[in-house]
Amino acid sequence: MIRVTIYKTDRHEYAGFDISGHAGYSDSGNDVVCAAVSAIVINTINSIDRFTDDRTSSVSDEESGTIEFRFRQIPSHDASLLLDSMVLGLEQIEDSNEYEPYIDIIFKEV
């Protein structure tokens, strides 16, 4: 199962997110859930890097399917909007009857 933890402050500002695990929906290389989550998350990280001036840090390990992403300060409006879009895409996967058992999204206040 893919576990997604979205971190927000008490002011509802994004602080970052963690992704871990593999979906297990299908064999490696054919797992559409892993592919979809990876595409959404990596595109979001790349978009924040390219289209905003936000300072971030990220660590990833492809083997374990782990990504740790953090903002170094309060995110800009554009970065927040990009994360809103990422969360929407991930929640749509989670809301699917077919894919729901393979992804779990939680929100934590930091």
Protein backbone atom coordinates (compact mmCIF):
# COMPACT_ATOMS: atom_id res chain seq x y z
CA MET A 1 0.00 0.00 0.00
CA ILE A 2 1.11 3.56 -0.72
CA ARG A 3 0.94 5.78 2.34
CA VAL A 4 0.70 9.52 1.82
CA THR A 5 1.06 11.90 4.75
CA ILE A 6 0.35 15.57 4.07
CA TYR A 7 1.68 17.96 6.71
CA LYS A 8 -0.13 21.25 7.37
CA THR A 9 0.29 23.91 10.02
CA ASP A 10 -2.44 25.01 12.40
CA ARG A 11 -2.98 27.88 9.93
CA HIS A 12 -3.71 25.29 7.18
CA GLU A 13 -0.46 26.05 5.35
CA TYR A 14 1.40 23.19 3.74
CA ALA A 15 4.62 22.15 5.46
CA GLY A 16 5.40 19.16 3.23
CA PHE A 17 4.53 15.54 2.61
CA ASP A 18 5.83 11.98 2.83
CA ILE A 19 5.08 9.15 0.41
CA SER A 20 6.08 5.58 1.19
CA GLY A 21 5.50 2.09 -0.07
CA HIS A 22 4.36 0.43 -3.25
CA ALA A 23 0.74 -0.10 -4.22
CA GLY A 24 0.93 -3.81 -4.93
CA TYR A 25 -1.90 -3.46 -7.44
CA SER A 26 0.07 -5.33 -10.09
CA ASP A 27 3.59 -6.57 -10.85
CA SER A 28 6.40 -4.04 -10.90
CA GLY A 29 6.40 -2.26 -14.25
CA ASN A 30 2.67 -2.86 -14.73
CA ASP A 31 1.30 -1.22 -11.58
CA VAL A 32 -0.94 1.62 -12.76
CA VAL A 33 -1.52 2.88 -9.20
CA CYS A 34 2.22 3.28 -8.51
CA ALA A 35 2.68 4.88 -11.93
CA ALA A 36 -0.16 7.35 -11.40
CA VAL A 37 0.97 8.35 -7.89
CA SER A 38 4.59 8.68 -9.03
CA ALA A 39 3.64 10.85 -12.01
CA ILE A 40 1.45 13.15 -9.92
CA VAL A 41 3.97 13.55 -7.09
CA ILE A 42 7.11 13.93 -9.22
CA ASN A 43 5.37 16.42 -11.50
CA THR A 44 4.33 18.45 -8.46
CA ILE A 45 7.86 18.54 -7.05
CA ASN A 46 9.30 19.48 -10.45
CA SER A 47 6.64 22.16 -10.97
CA ILE A 48 7.29 23.75 -7.58
CA ASP A 49 11.01 23.76 -8.39
CA ARG A 50 10.57 25.25 -11.86
CA PHE A 51 7.64 27.64 -11.46
CA THR A 52 8.09 29.04 -7.95
CA ASP A 53 10.87 30.56 -5.88
CA ASP A 54 10.00 28.44 -2.85
CA ARG A 55 12.88 26.89 -0.95
CA THR A 56 12.31 23.19 -0.42
CA SER A 57 14.13 20.00 0.42
CA SER A 58 13.40 16.51 -0.80
CA VAL A 59 14.84 13.08 -0.30
CA SER A 60 13.78 10.05 -2.30
CA ASP A 61 14.56 6.37 -2.55
CA GLU A 62 13.12 4.65 -5.60
CA GLU A 63 13.76 1.17 -4.21
CA SER A 64 11.58 1.70 -1.13
CA GLY A 65 9.19 4.07 -2.87
CA THR A 66 9.89 6.84 -0.38
CA ILE A 67 9.76 10.60 -0.93
CA GLU A 68 10.12 13.17 1.84
CA PHE A 69 9.35 16.74 0.73
CA ARG A 70 9.46 19.83 2.95
CA PHE A 71 9.07 23.56 2.54
CA ARG A 72 11.78 25.60 4.27
CA GLN A 73 9.35 28.48 4.82
CA ILE A 74 5.64 29.18 4.37
CA PRO A 75 4.84 28.15 0.79
CA SER A 76 3.84 30.71 -1.81
CA HIS A 77 0.34 30.85 -3.23
CA ASP A 78 1.54 29.13 -6.41
CA ALA A 79 3.26 26.29 -4.51
CA SER A 80 0.15 25.80 -2.38
CA LEU A 81 -2.00 25.64 -5.50
CA LEU A 82 0.30 23.02 -7.01
CA LEU A 83 0.04 20.96 -3.81
CA ASP A 84 -3.76 21.38 -3.82
CA SER A 85 -3.72 19.92 -7.32
CA MET A 86 -1.50 17.01 -6.21
CA VAL A 87 -3.79 16.24 -3.28
CA LEU A 88 -6.84 16.36 -5.58
CA GLY A 89 -5.26 13.85 -7.96
CA LEU A 90 -4.22 11.51 -5.15
CA GLU A 91 -7.66 11.73 -3.52
CA GLN A 92 -9.31 10.84 -6.81
CA ILE A 93 -7.22 7.68 -6.91
CA GLU A 94 -8.10 6.93 -3.29
CA ASP A 95 -11.82 7.56 -3.96
CA SER A 96 -11.88 5.00 -6.78
CA ASN A 97 -13.51 1.73 -5.72
CA GLU A 98 -10.90 -0.21 -7.67
CA TYR A 99 -7.81 1.59 -6.36
CA GLU A 100 -8.85 2.58 -2.81
CA PRO A 101 -7.27 -0.47 -1.14
CA TYR A 102 -3.86 0.49 -2.56
CA ILE A 103 -3.46 4.06 -1.28
CA ASP A 104 -4.04 5.75 2.07
CA ILE A 105 -3.89 9.54 2.50
CA ILE A 106 -3.76 11.19 5.90
CA PHE A 107 -3.32 14.78 7.01
CA LYS A 108 -1.23 15.69 10.05
CA GLU A 109 -0.92 19.03 11.79
CA VAL A 110 2.61 20.16 12.53
